[in-house]
Amino acid sequence: NLKAGGTVTAPFNFAEVGEMTSVISHPPRHIIESKQENIDKTALKQLKQGHYLITEDELGVADELMKKLITRGCTVNLLKRETLSQDNLLINWCNSHKNEFHELAGVIHLAQLSRDWLKTNATLDEWRKQLQINEKSFFVLLHDFSDKFVKDTHIVSASALGGFFNRNGSISHGGLSIQSGAVGMLKSLFDERPTLRIRAIDIDPSQNSIEIASILLDEMELVGGRLEIGYPDGKRTVFHTVFSPVNIDVANSKKLQDIIVLATGGARGVTAEVLRELALPGNTLILTGRSALADKESEILKTLTTADALRQYFISEARSNNTSITPAKIGQKINAVLATREMSSNIEDFKQRGAIVEYHAVDVTNEDEMHHLLSDVYTRHGRIDGVVHGAGIIEDKLLADKKIDSWTRVVETKVIGLLILQKYLRLESLKFLTVFSSVAGRYGNSGQSDYATANEIMNRLCCQLKMNWNNQVNIIAFCWGPWGQTKFGAGMVTAETEAKFAKNGVRLVTAGIGHQLFKDELMRINNTDVEIICGEGPWEKRESTIGEIKYTLSLHDALPIRKSVV
């Protein structure tokens, strides 16, 4: 499993990809490119018969799709938007309907199909309501009815970002819309349950409801095919991961001098590691984190330099005090010590490199705290030149085992954190806005459906901000692959897991490569690309292998037999 932070237990289950090169001439940088791909007439089409759950949209698509399914002999429950809007209403609905059917033929989430975009200065209540209807309600349905899914159950999400998932700026309402996080969630679910028939489809809302319903049904019937599909202007489009070296202007390095940078989650992990590129004389780094910096360690703790030594100490301490302590509690105490050490070491390193460093303990999802912090920074410094949004938490579990409150913590840290930032940043001084996303969002990962959701929503919001800000700000979503060891951190993987990654074609992002990828994007000549896949792996091979379309005739059967002539 790939994680942009935390410990990795197992890699993607890639097919064999052959030998890895030992030298990388260019940093492993990829972008997403769209390509039209029509459905061949010989493609195999099958629709699973049975009962479907459909969430209500605002474009009339649900009604049209229901008609088509009923015509084909299926039955349907329609979940009203009011039911989707509150956890308690939705959970009660799920509980009251669970025993009505033995299995489900499909769950089709259409609630995102709306022209209702929120203003960039919307309230947190408005953001959370949209997040609830568009994203969280789908998770709840998949979670609560997971035991009703069987082979070939259709799991479908439809968004209304123009058919390109907003990658090309096809839709801009001057506002923002939380959509398409399901791309990451469904790809992750496919990793967990590969017999499900999964689709995340982005449509063009300028089409009428009958046309959209026909598109959705065509994709549902298709056996095989990529999980992520768009229909700009009704034209079927797929998205390829393409190697693309960046073009930089060395003169842009001057833009990284004498700047004020705000970095959420900036004192630890990958975020702190790449910030060394900005820890320069004349620069000010304003770091945030959930935890306050602890006081100096006791002399005895200073002598305990490993996790094992700390574990033995805390066990002995509990015995001496005649108190009980659980392994989980010991783990928490060890992690707290190691985290504090990493934070302190990074901050000291930034200072030694010449930067002025501030650290503020704030919750990035608390609007009052963040508004106060940004206002204070603008008052004292007059500007914020760059932002690195690296805050995030991981609480991995299979989707069927994930709790609602855990989903909320994981998703809101990234998504609500970004929405608050964009609300209070002042564009007149802002040069760059970067978010730390993940390949787990782009390609899915078992056990990380919530984390993948959060990262994909950030990717889509970044595309929207690029349009809203008229490309005046360099906006980058770094979709990081798994990292190796950082200067003061252990990294994400064990040596055993690293060997498994290598066998499957995934190479860890080293600190050196990470530094270069980060700095190059800040110095690039143009700001065209938003989603940057950072890391060496068979990303496109994975997508194309999963997305192979099945046909009614094999290639051998379809070719005419040639007779030899003597």
Protein backbone atom coordinates (compact mmCIF):
# COMPACT_ATOMS: atom_id res chain seq x y z
CA ASN A 1 0.00 0.00 0.00
CA LEU A 2 1.30 3.43 -0.88
CA LYS A 3 1.10 6.17 1.69
CA ALA A 4 2.25 9.76 1.43
CA GLY A 5 3.19 9.68 5.10
CA GLY A 6 3.18 6.91 7.66
CA THR A 7 4.35 3.30 7.34
CA VAL A 8 3.72 1.29 4.20
CA THR A 9 2.79 -2.36 4.60
CA ALA A 10 2.58 -3.64 1.02
CA PRO A 11 2.99 -2.26 -2.49
CA PHE A 12 0.54 -2.04 -5.34
CA ASN A 13 -0.11 -5.44 -6.87
CA PHE A 14 1.46 -4.55 -10.22
CA ALA A 15 2.06 -7.04 -12.96
CA GLU A 16 5.71 -7.73 -13.71
CA VAL A 17 7.26 -4.79 -15.51
CA GLY A 18 10.79 -5.98 -16.22
CA GLU A 19 14.14 -4.57 -15.22
CA MET A 20 14.46 -1.17 -13.57
CA THR A 21 17.03 1.27 -14.82
CA SER A 22 19.72 2.09 -12.28
CA VAL A 23 20.11 5.72 -13.34
CA ILE A 24 17.32 8.25 -13.87
CA SER A 25 18.38 10.91 -16.38
CA HIS A 26 15.35 13.08 -15.54
CA PRO A 27 13.38 13.19 -12.31
CA PRO A 28 10.39 10.81 -12.56
CA ARG A 29 7.74 13.39 -13.45
CA HIS A 30 4.46 12.51 -15.16
CA ILE A 31 1.35 14.43 -16.16
CA ILE A 32 -2.19 13.47 -17.17
CA GLU A 33 -3.17 13.74 -20.83
CA SER A 34 -6.63 13.16 -22.27
CA LYS A 35 -7.37 11.08 -25.35
CA GLN A 36 -10.62 10.23 -27.10
CA GLU A 37 -11.44 6.52 -27.06
CA ASN A 38 -14.62 5.27 -28.66
CA ILE A 39 -16.28 1.99 -27.71
CA ASP A 40 -15.84 -0.59 -30.44
CA LYS A 41 -18.99 -2.31 -31.73
CA THR A 42 -17.53 -5.70 -30.77
CA ALA A 43 -17.04 -4.67 -27.13
CA LEU A 44 -18.79 -7.00 -24.72
CA LYS A 45 -21.80 -5.44 -22.96
CA GLN A 46 -23.61 -6.87 -19.98
CA LEU A 47 -25.85 -5.24 -17.38
CA LYS A 48 -26.30 -6.94 -14.04
CA GLN A 49 -29.96 -7.55 -13.31
CA GLY A 50 -31.36 -6.85 -9.88
CA HIS A 51 -31.86 -3.98 -7.45
CA TYR A 52 -30.12 -0.60 -7.71
CA LEU A 53 -29.64 2.32 -5.34
CA ILE A 54 -29.46 5.73 -7.04
CA THR A 55 -28.80 9.09 -5.37
CA GLU A 56 -30.83 12.05 -6.55
CA ASP A 57 -29.20 14.75 -8.69
CA GLU A 58 -30.33 18.24 -9.72
CA LEU A 59 -30.19 17.77 -13.50
CA GLY A 60 -32.94 15.17 -13.83
CA VAL A 61 -30.52 12.37 -14.74
CA ALA A 62 -31.63 10.01 -11.96
CA ASP A 63 -35.20 9.94 -13.27
CA GLU A 64 -34.06 9.13 -16.80
CA LEU A 65 -31.62 6.44 -15.68
CA MET A 66 -34.28 4.86 -13.47
CA LYS A 67 -36.59 4.58 -16.48
CA LYS A 68 -33.88 2.84 -18.50
CA LEU A 69 -33.08 0.38 -15.71
CA ILE A 70 -36.74 -0.44 -15.06
CA THR A 71 -37.24 -1.02 -18.79
CA ARG A 72 -34.46 -3.61 -18.55
CA GLY A 73 -36.23 -5.41 -15.73
CA CYS A 74 -34.38 -3.89 -12.77
CA THR A 75 -35.78 -2.35 -9.58
CA VAL A 76 -34.58 0.91 -8.06
CA ASN A 77 -34.53 2.86 -4.79
CA LEU A 78 -33.98 6.61 -5.17
CA LEU A 79 -32.30 8.36 -2.25
CA LYS A 80 -33.44 11.98 -1.97
CA ARG A 81 -30.89 14.75 -1.47
CA GLU A 82 -32.42 15.61 1.90
CA THR A 83 -31.64 12.08 3.09
CA LEU A 84 -28.06 12.39 1.81
CA SER A 85 -27.50 15.72 3.55
CA GLN A 86 -27.25 14.39 7.12
CA ASP A 87 -25.41 11.37 8.50
CA ASN A 88 -28.19 10.40 10.88
CA LEU A 89 -30.89 10.50 8.18
CA LEU A 90 -28.76 8.48 5.76
CA ILE A 91 -27.71 5.89 8.35
CA ASN A 92 -31.34 5.45 9.44
CA TRP A 93 -32.35 4.96 5.79
CA CYS A 94 -29.63 2.35 5.33
CA ASN A 95 -30.62 0.48 8.47
CA SER A 96 -34.29 0.43 7.51
CA HIS A 97 -33.64 -0.92 3.99
CA LYS A 98 -30.80 -3.42 4.57
CA ASN A 99 -33.10 -6.43 4.84
CA GLU A 100 -35.17 -5.61 1.77
CA PHE A 101 -32.78 -7.34 -0.63
CA HIS A 102 -30.25 -10.14 -0.46
CA GLU A 103 -27.78 -8.48 -2.83
CA LEU A 104 -27.38 -5.30 -4.85
CA ALA A 105 -26.88 -5.05 -8.60
CA GLY A 106 -25.50 -1.57 -8.25
CA VAL A 107 -25.03 1.73 -6.40
CA ILE A 108 -25.08 4.78 -8.66
CA HIS A 109 -24.09 8.10 -7.13
CA LEU A 110 -25.48 11.03 -9.11
CA ALA A 111 -25.72 13.62 -6.33
CA GLN A 112 -22.74 15.56 -7.72
CA LEU A 113 -24.68 16.35 -10.92
CA SER A 114 -25.55 19.93 -10.14
CA ARG A 115 -24.79 23.43 -11.40
CA ASP A 116 -24.65 24.72 -7.83
CA TRP A 117 -21.09 25.92 -7.21
CA LEU A 118 -20.28 27.64 -3.94
CA LYS A 119 -18.61 31.00 -3.64
CA THR A 120 -14.93 30.96 -2.75
CA ASN A 121 -15.78 32.73 0.52
CA ALA A 122 -18.54 30.28 1.48
CA THR A 123 -19.00 29.34 5.11
CA LEU A 124 -17.65 26.12 6.57
CA ASP A 125 -21.21 24.89 7.06
CA GLU A 126 -21.84 25.33 3.34
CA TRP A 127 -18.61 23.51 2.44
CA ARG A 128 -19.35 20.66 4.81
CA LYS A 129 -22.89 20.27 3.48
CA GLN A 130 -21.58 19.98 -0.07
CA LEU A 131 -18.88 17.56 1.06
CA GLN A 132 -21.57 15.52 2.82
CA ILE A 133 -23.88 15.26 -0.20
CA ASN A 134 -21.26 14.90 -2.93
CA GLU A 135 -18.68 12.68 -1.24
CA LYS A 136 -19.42 11.45 2.26
CA SER A 137 -22.89 10.11 1.50
CA PHE A 138 -21.42 7.86 -1.20
CA PHE A 139 -18.89 6.49 1.27
CA VAL A 140 -21.66 5.78 3.79
CA LEU A 141 -23.71 3.89 1.20
CA LEU A 142 -20.75 1.80 0.08
CA HIS A 143 -19.78 1.11 3.67
CA ASP A 144 -23.24 0.19 4.95
CA PHE A 145 -24.20 -2.00 1.98
CA SER A 146 -20.76 -3.55 1.36
CA ASP A 147 -22.03 -6.97 2.40
CA LYS A 148 -24.66 -6.78 -0.34
CA PHE A 149 -22.08 -6.45 -3.12
CA VAL A 150 -21.42 -9.53 -5.21
CA LYS A 151 -19.46 -10.30 -8.36
CA ASP A 152 -20.22 -7.73 -11.09
CA THR A 153 -22.11 -5.33 -8.82
CA HIS A 154 -21.98 -1.92 -10.52
CA ILE A 155 -20.45 0.89 -8.42
CA VAL A 156 -20.72 4.16 -10.33
CA SER A 157 -20.02 7.81 -9.55
CA ALA A 158 -20.92 10.65 -11.92
CA SER A 159 -19.52 14.16 -11.59
CA ALA A 160 -20.26 17.31 -13.58
CA LEU A 161 -16.89 18.99 -14.14
CA GLY A 162 -17.18 19.18 -17.93
CA GLY A 163 -15.84 15.79 -18.97
CA PHE A 164 -12.15 16.47 -18.28
CA PHE A 165 -12.51 16.51 -14.47
CA ASN A 166 -11.76 20.24 -14.78
CA ARG A 167 -8.27 19.57 -16.10
CA ASN A 168 -8.58 21.87 -19.07
CA GLY A 169 -10.64 24.65 -17.54
CA SER A 170 -13.76 23.67 -19.43
CA ILE A 171 -16.06 24.78 -16.61
CA SER A 172 -15.63 27.84 -14.44
CA HIS A 173 -18.36 29.48 -12.42
CA GLY A 174 -16.02 31.73 -10.47
CA GLY A 175 -16.61 29.48 -7.49
CA LEU A 176 -15.61 26.03 -6.26
CA SER A 177 -17.27 22.63 -6.17
CA ILE A 178 -16.23 19.61 -4.12
CA GLN A 179 -16.50 16.79 -6.65
CA SER A 180 -14.75 13.72 -8.04
CA GLY A 181 -13.08 12.50 -4.88
CA ALA A 182 -14.81 9.25 -5.79
CA VAL A 183 -12.16 8.68 -8.47
CA GLY A 184 -9.66 7.91 -5.72
CA MET A 185 -12.15 6.09 -3.53
CA LEU A 186 -13.41 3.80 -6.29
CA LYS A 187 -9.95 2.94 -7.57
CA SER A 188 -9.06 2.03 -4.00
CA LEU A 189 -12.24 -0.03 -3.66
CA PHE A 190 -11.30 -1.86 -6.86
CA ASP A 191 -7.98 -2.78 -5.23
CA GLU A 192 -9.94 -4.23 -2.32
CA ARG A 193 -12.68 -5.91 -4.36
CA PRO A 194 -11.60 -6.39 -7.98
CA THR A 195 -14.73 -8.32 -9.01
CA LEU A 196 -16.85 -5.17 -8.73
CA ARG A 197 -17.58 -3.23 -11.93
CA ILE A 198 -16.47 0.28 -11.13
CA ARG A 199 -16.73 3.58 -12.99
CA ALA A 200 -16.03 7.22 -12.14
CA ILE A 201 -17.54 9.24 -14.98
CA ASP A 202 -17.25 12.99 -15.51
CA ILE A 203 -19.96 14.42 -17.73
CA ASP A 204 -20.61 17.71 -19.50
CA PRO A 205 -23.57 19.33 -17.71
CA SER A 206 -24.51 21.24 -20.87
CA GLN A 207 -25.92 17.97 -22.24
CA ASN A 208 -29.51 17.09 -21.48
CA SER A 209 -30.53 14.53 -18.89
CA ILE A 210 -31.51 11.86 -21.47
CA GLU A 211 -28.12 12.06 -23.17
CA ILE A 212 -26.29 11.85 -19.84
CA ALA A 213 -28.37 8.87 -18.69
CA SER A 214 -27.58 7.06 -21.95
CA ILE A 215 -23.86 7.71 -21.47
CA LEU A 216 -23.96 6.33 -17.94
CA LEU A 217 -25.83 3.21 -18.98
CA ASP A 218 -23.43 2.59 -21.88
CA GLU A 219 -20.47 2.74 -19.47
CA MET A 220 -22.20 0.47 -16.98
CA GLU A 221 -22.88 -2.14 -19.65
CA LEU A 222 -19.31 -2.13 -20.98
CA VAL A 223 -17.34 -5.10 -19.64
CA GLY A 224 -13.87 -3.88 -18.76
CA GLY A 225 -12.56 -0.44 -19.62
CA ARG A 226 -10.79 2.22 -17.61
CA LEU A 227 -12.23 3.15 -14.26
CA GLU A 228 -11.90 6.92 -14.87
CA ILE A 229 -13.80 8.18 -17.93
CA GLY A 230 -14.87 11.61 -19.18
CA TYR A 231 -17.42 12.80 -21.71
CA PRO A 232 -16.62 16.38 -22.76
CA ASP A 233 -19.26 17.43 -25.28
CA GLY A 234 -20.45 13.82 -25.19
CA LYS A 235 -17.15 12.43 -26.55
CA ARG A 236 -15.74 9.47 -24.65
CA THR A 237 -12.33 10.39 -23.21
CA VAL A 238 -9.71 8.50 -21.23
CA PHE A 239 -6.77 9.84 -19.25
CA HIS A 240 -3.20 8.64 -19.75
CA THR A 241 -0.23 9.07 -17.43
CA VAL A 242 2.62 10.43 -19.57
CA PHE A 243 6.28 11.00 -18.72
CA SER A 244 6.95 14.72 -19.13
CA PRO A 245 10.19 16.45 -18.05
CA VAL A 246 9.64 19.98 -16.81
CA ASN A 247 11.06 23.04 -18.53
CA ILE A 248 12.58 25.41 -16.01
CA ASP A 249 13.96 28.93 -16.15
CA VAL A 250 17.01 29.30 -13.93
CA ALA A 251 16.21 32.98 -13.60
CA ASN A 252 13.08 31.98 -11.66
CA SER A 253 15.30 30.95 -8.76
CA LYS A 254 15.29 34.63 -7.81
CA LYS A 255 11.57 34.28 -7.11
CA LEU A 256 12.45 31.86 -4.31
CA GLN A 257 14.56 34.41 -2.46
CA ASP A 258 13.41 36.86 0.23
CA ILE A 259 9.99 35.25 0.47
CA ILE A 260 7.44 34.48 3.18
CA VAL A 261 6.24 30.86 2.99
CA LEU A 262 3.38 29.29 4.95
CA ALA A 263 3.64 25.49 5.27
CA THR A 264 0.91 23.42 6.94
CA GLY A 265 2.33 20.26 8.46
CA GLY A 266 5.70 21.82 7.68
CA ALA A 267 7.80 20.57 10.57
CA ARG A 268 7.73 16.86 9.76
CA GLY A 269 7.91 14.27 7.03
CA VAL A 270 7.96 14.95 3.32
CA THR A 271 6.81 18.56 3.75
CA ALA A 272 9.73 19.43 5.98
CA GLU A 273 12.15 17.58 3.73
CA VAL A 274 11.39 19.59 0.59
CA LEU A 275 11.18 22.84 2.53
CA ARG A 276 14.96 22.66 2.84
CA GLU A 277 14.96 24.03 -0.71
CA LEU A 278 13.32 27.19 0.65
CA ALA A 279 15.23 27.37 3.94
CA LEU A 280 17.50 30.12 2.64
CA PRO A 281 18.95 33.31 4.14
CA GLY A 282 16.34 36.03 3.83
CA ASN A 283 13.38 33.62 3.70
CA THR A 284 10.82 33.20 6.46
CA LEU A 285 9.17 29.83 6.98
CA ILE A 286 5.90 29.89 8.92
CA LEU A 287 5.15 26.31 9.92
CA THR A 288 1.96 24.88 11.36
CA GLY A 289 1.18 21.58 13.06
CA ARG A 290 -1.45 20.01 15.28
CA SER A 291 0.90 19.60 18.23
CA ALA A 292 2.62 22.26 20.29
CA LEU A 293 6.39 22.01 20.44
CA ALA A 294 7.22 20.10 23.62
CA ASP A 295 9.61 21.30 26.27
CA LYS A 296 13.14 19.94 26.30
CA GLU A 297 13.44 16.23 26.88
CA SER A 298 14.52 14.85 30.20
CA GLU A 299 18.14 13.78 30.41
CA ILE A 300 17.18 10.11 30.61
CA LEU A 301 15.03 10.29 27.47
CA LYS A 302 17.87 11.90 25.54
CA THR A 303 19.91 8.73 26.01
CA LEU A 304 17.18 6.56 24.47
CA THR A 305 17.72 6.93 20.73
CA THR A 306 15.67 4.02 19.36
CA ALA A 307 12.02 3.01 19.48
CA ASP A 308 12.94 -0.24 21.24
CA ALA A 309 14.85 1.61 23.96
CA LEU A 310 11.92 3.96 24.48
CA ARG A 311 9.50 1.02 24.64
CA GLN A 312 11.51 -0.67 27.39
CA TYR A 313 11.72 2.59 29.30
CA PHE A 314 7.95 3.19 29.27
CA ILE A 315 7.26 -0.42 30.29
CA SER A 316 9.72 -0.13 33.19
CA GLU A 317 8.25 3.22 34.17
CA ALA A 318 4.76 1.71 34.35
CA ARG A 319 5.99 -1.19 36.45
CA SER A 320 7.79 1.13 38.84
CA ASN A 321 4.63 3.16 39.30
CA ASN A 322 2.57 -0.02 39.65
CA THR A 323 0.31 1.07 36.77
CA SER A 324 -0.89 -0.81 33.72
CA ILE A 325 -0.20 0.39 30.20
CA THR A 326 -1.44 -1.04 26.91
CA PRO A 327 0.78 -1.68 23.88
CA ALA A 328 -1.25 0.94 21.98
CA LYS A 329 -0.56 3.54 24.66
CA ILE A 330 3.14 2.70 24.64
CA GLY A 331 3.13 3.12 20.87
CA GLN A 332 1.51 6.54 21.22
CA LYS A 333 4.12 7.67 23.74
CA ILE A 334 6.98 6.47 21.51
CA ASN A 335 5.53 8.19 18.46
CA ALA A 336 5.08 11.41 20.39
CA VAL A 337 8.74 11.44 21.44
CA LEU A 338 10.02 10.62 17.95
CA ALA A 339 7.70 13.19 16.35
CA THR A 340 8.85 15.92 18.70
CA ARG A 341 12.48 15.08 17.98
CA GLU A 342 11.88 15.20 14.23
CA MET A 343 10.08 18.55 14.47
CA SER A 344 12.80 20.09 16.63
CA SER A 345 15.58 18.77 14.40
CA ASN A 346 13.93 20.10 11.24
CA ILE A 347 13.30 23.53 12.71
CA GLU A 348 16.89 23.77 13.91
CA ASP A 349 18.12 22.66 10.48
CA PHE A 350 16.05 25.35 8.75
CA LYS A 351 17.55 27.97 11.04
CA GLN A 352 21.09 26.75 10.44
CA ARG A 353 20.48 27.08 6.70
CA GLY A 354 19.73 30.76 7.25
CA ALA A 355 15.92 30.91 7.33
CA ILE A 356 13.81 32.66 9.93
CA VAL A 357 11.41 30.05 11.33
CA GLU A 358 8.10 30.37 13.15
CA TYR A 359 6.02 27.47 14.43
CA HIS A 360 2.32 27.74 15.25
CA ALA A 361 0.19 24.98 16.76
CA VAL A 362 -3.13 25.29 14.94
CA ASP A 363 -5.85 23.05 13.55
CA VAL A 364 -6.01 23.62 9.77
CA THR A 365 -9.73 22.78 9.81
CA ASN A 366 -10.47 25.45 12.43
CA GLU A 367 -11.41 28.56 10.48
CA ASP A 368 -11.02 30.96 13.42
CA GLU A 369 -7.52 29.72 14.22
CA MET A 370 -6.38 29.81 10.60
CA HIS A 371 -7.96 33.19 9.89
CA HIS A 372 -6.26 34.63 12.96
CA LEU A 373 -2.91 33.16 11.92
CA LEU A 374 -3.06 34.44 8.34
CA SER A 375 -4.23 37.88 9.47
CA ASP A 376 -1.35 38.03 11.93
CA VAL A 377 1.17 37.02 9.25
CA TYR A 378 -0.11 39.67 6.86
CA THR A 379 0.01 42.27 9.63
CA ARG A 380 3.59 41.44 10.65
CA HIS A 381 5.10 40.54 7.27
CA GLY A 382 2.87 42.35 4.81
CA ARG A 383 2.52 39.37 2.49
CA ILE A 384 2.58 35.62 1.95
CA ASP A 385 4.51 34.67 -1.17
CA GLY A 386 4.03 30.92 -1.18
CA VAL A 387 2.01 28.15 0.45
CA VAL A 388 2.83 24.48 0.93
CA HIS A 389 -0.26 22.60 2.13
CA GLY A 390 1.23 19.41 3.49
CA ALA A 391 -1.04 18.74 6.47
CA GLY A 392 -2.64 15.33 6.46
CA ILE A 393 -3.44 12.30 8.57
CA ILE A 394 -3.72 8.60 7.73
CA GLU A 395 -6.01 6.09 9.43
CA ASP A 396 -5.95 3.15 7.04
CA LYS A 397 -8.68 0.51 6.97
CA LEU A 398 -10.60 -1.31 4.28
CA LEU A 399 -13.64 0.69 3.20
CA ALA A 400 -16.01 -1.83 4.79
CA ASP A 401 -14.23 -1.38 8.15
CA LYS A 402 -13.78 2.39 8.05
CA LYS A 403 -15.69 4.50 10.61
CA ILE A 404 -17.49 7.71 9.64
CA ASP A 405 -15.62 9.89 12.14
CA SER A 406 -12.29 8.56 10.86
CA TRP A 407 -13.31 9.33 7.26
CA THR A 408 -14.16 12.86 8.33
CA ARG A 409 -10.81 13.45 10.04
CA VAL A 410 -8.79 12.16 7.09
CA VAL A 411 -10.73 14.01 4.39
CA GLU A 412 -11.34 17.31 6.15
CA THR A 413 -7.70 17.84 7.15
CA LYS A 414 -6.74 18.13 3.50
CA VAL A 415 -9.93 19.45 1.92
CA ILE A 416 -11.30 21.88 4.51
CA GLY A 417 -7.73 22.95 5.21
CA LEU A 418 -7.26 23.92 1.55
CA LEU A 419 -10.64 25.68 1.34
CA ILE A 420 -9.83 27.82 4.37
CA LEU A 421 -6.41 28.70 2.96
CA GLN A 422 -7.76 29.84 -0.41
CA LYS A 423 -10.43 31.89 1.37
CA TYR A 424 -7.98 34.07 3.28
CA LEU A 425 -4.92 34.19 1.03
CA ARG A 426 -4.31 37.51 -0.74
CA LEU A 427 -3.57 37.02 -4.43
CA GLU A 428 -1.67 40.26 -4.93
CA SER A 429 1.45 38.79 -3.32
CA LEU A 430 0.94 35.05 -3.79
CA LYS A 431 3.44 33.46 -6.19
CA PHE A 432 2.74 29.77 -5.65
CA LEU A 433 0.29 27.42 -3.97
CA THR A 434 1.29 23.77 -3.66
CA VAL A 435 -0.63 20.88 -2.12
CA PHE A 436 0.84 17.51 -1.24
CA SER A 437 -1.35 14.90 -2.85
CA SER A 438 -0.55 11.25 -3.54
CA VAL A 439 -0.47 8.50 -6.15
CA ALA A 440 -2.91 6.77 -3.79
CA GLY A 441 -5.47 9.34 -4.91
CA ARG A 442 -4.58 9.14 -8.59
CA TYR A 443 -4.44 5.36 -8.87
CA GLY A 444 -6.15 4.08 -5.74
CA ASN A 445 -4.78 1.94 -2.94
CA SER A 446 -6.29 -0.76 -0.80
CA GLY A 447 -7.10 0.49 2.70
CA GLN A 448 -6.82 4.15 1.74
CA SER A 449 -10.19 4.97 0.19
CA ASP A 450 -10.62 8.02 2.46
CA TYR A 451 -7.06 9.25 1.95
CA ALA A 452 -7.45 8.78 -1.81
CA THR A 453 -10.73 10.70 -1.72
CA ALA A 454 -9.10 13.63 0.07
CA ASN A 455 -6.21 13.83 -2.37
CA GLU A 456 -8.40 13.63 -5.47
CA ILE A 457 -10.68 16.39 -4.17
CA MET A 458 -7.60 18.57 -3.63
CA ASN A 459 -6.45 17.85 -7.19
CA ARG A 460 -9.81 18.96 -8.56
CA LEU A 461 -9.96 22.08 -6.36
CA CYS A 462 -6.49 23.06 -7.54
CA CYS A 463 -7.68 22.88 -11.16
CA GLN A 464 -10.61 25.12 -10.24
CA LEU A 465 -8.41 27.62 -8.41
CA LYS A 466 -6.13 27.82 -11.45
CA MET A 467 -9.13 29.03 -13.46
CA ASN A 468 -10.47 31.33 -10.75
CA TRP A 469 -7.10 33.00 -10.33
CA ASN A 470 -6.59 33.36 -14.10
CA ASN A 471 -3.35 31.39 -13.97
CA GLN A 472 -1.68 34.22 -12.03
CA VAL A 473 -0.47 31.84 -9.33
CA ASN A 474 1.70 28.76 -9.89
CA ILE A 475 -0.62 26.02 -8.56
CA ILE A 476 0.77 22.51 -8.20
CA ALA A 477 -0.70 19.30 -6.81
CA PHE A 478 2.28 17.04 -6.10
CA CYS A 479 0.98 13.47 -6.38
CA TRP A 480 3.86 11.87 -4.51
CA GLY A 481 4.83 8.25 -4.81
CA PRO A 482 6.16 6.47 -1.70
CA TRP A 483 9.14 8.18 -0.10
CA GLY A 484 12.30 6.75 1.33
CA GLN A 485 14.14 8.09 4.35
CA THR A 486 14.17 11.83 5.06
CA LYS A 487 16.94 13.71 6.86
CA PHE A 488 15.43 13.22 10.32
CA GLY A 489 12.63 10.76 9.59
CA ALA A 490 12.59 7.02 9.03
CA GLY A 491 10.62 7.28 5.79
CA MET A 492 7.54 5.34 4.83
CA VAL A 493 8.74 1.81 4.27
CA THR A 494 10.80 -1.01 5.72
CA ALA A 495 13.69 -2.54 3.76
CA GLU A 496 11.49 -5.56 3.03
CA THR A 497 8.70 -3.42 1.61
CA GLU A 498 11.17 -1.40 -0.44
CA ALA A 499 12.34 -4.65 -2.07
CA LYS A 500 8.73 -5.52 -2.89
CA PHE A 501 8.19 -2.10 -4.45
CA ALA A 502 11.32 -2.52 -6.58
CA LYS A 503 10.20 -5.95 -7.77
CA ASN A 504 6.92 -4.44 -8.93
CA GLY A 505 8.49 -1.48 -10.68
CA VAL A 506 7.94 1.18 -8.00
CA ARG A 507 11.02 3.02 -6.85
CA LEU A 508 11.00 5.09 -3.68
CA VAL A 509 11.30 8.85 -4.00
CA THR A 510 14.64 9.74 -2.43
CA ALA A 511 15.18 13.01 -0.62
CA GLY A 512 17.38 14.20 -3.49
CA ILE A 513 14.80 13.45 -6.16
CA GLY A 514 12.04 14.94 -4.03
CA HIS A 515 14.01 18.14 -3.58
CA GLN A 516 14.59 18.44 -7.32
CA LEU A 517 10.97 17.73 -8.27
CA PHE A 518 9.73 20.32 -5.78
CA LYS A 519 12.17 23.05 -6.76
CA ASP A 520 11.81 22.44 -10.50
CA GLU A 521 8.05 22.97 -10.35
CA LEU A 522 8.54 26.29 -8.55
CA MET A 523 10.97 27.36 -11.28
CA ARG A 524 9.05 26.06 -14.30
CA ILE A 525 8.51 28.23 -17.36
CA ASN A 526 4.73 27.80 -17.60
CA ASN A 527 1.99 26.90 -15.15
CA THR A 528 -0.04 24.69 -17.50
CA ASP A 529 0.03 21.42 -15.58
CA VAL A 530 -1.55 21.18 -12.14
CA GLU A 531 -1.40 17.45 -11.31
CA ILE A 532 2.20 16.27 -11.24
CA ILE A 533 2.80 12.56 -10.59
CA CYS A 534 6.11 12.39 -8.73
CA GLY A 535 7.87 9.05 -8.58
CA GLU A 536 8.98 6.16 -10.73
CA GLY A 537 6.41 3.42 -11.23
CA PRO A 538 4.34 1.69 -13.90
CA TRP A 539 1.45 4.09 -13.40
CA GLU A 540 0.12 3.98 -16.97
CA LYS A 541 0.67 0.23 -17.26
CA ARG A 542 -1.44 -0.26 -14.15
CA GLU A 543 -4.29 1.88 -15.53
CA SER A 544 -4.24 0.26 -18.98
CA THR A 545 -4.08 -3.28 -17.58
CA ILE A 546 -7.03 -2.71 -15.29
CA GLY A 547 -8.84 -0.88 -18.11
CA GLU A 548 -8.66 -3.61 -20.74
CA ILE A 549 -11.99 -3.84 -22.59
CA LYS A 550 -13.50 -7.27 -23.17
CA TYR A 551 -14.78 -8.15 -26.64
CA THR A 552 -17.43 -10.51 -27.93
CA LEU A 553 -14.90 -12.09 -30.32
CA SER A 554 -11.28 -12.87 -29.66
CA LEU A 555 -8.70 -11.38 -32.01
CA HIS A 556 -8.09 -14.84 -33.47
CA ASP A 557 -11.81 -15.35 -34.14
CA ALA A 558 -12.17 -11.91 -35.67
CA LEU A 559 -9.36 -12.35 -38.23
CA PRO A 560 -10.07 -14.17 -41.49
CA ILE A 561 -8.30 -17.49 -41.97
CA ARG A 562 -5.67 -17.34 -44.67
CA LYS A 563 -5.05 -20.44 -46.80
CA SER A 564 -1.54 -21.11 -47.96
CA VAL A 565 -1.00 -21.54 -51.70
CA VAL A 566 1.38 -24.21 -52.93
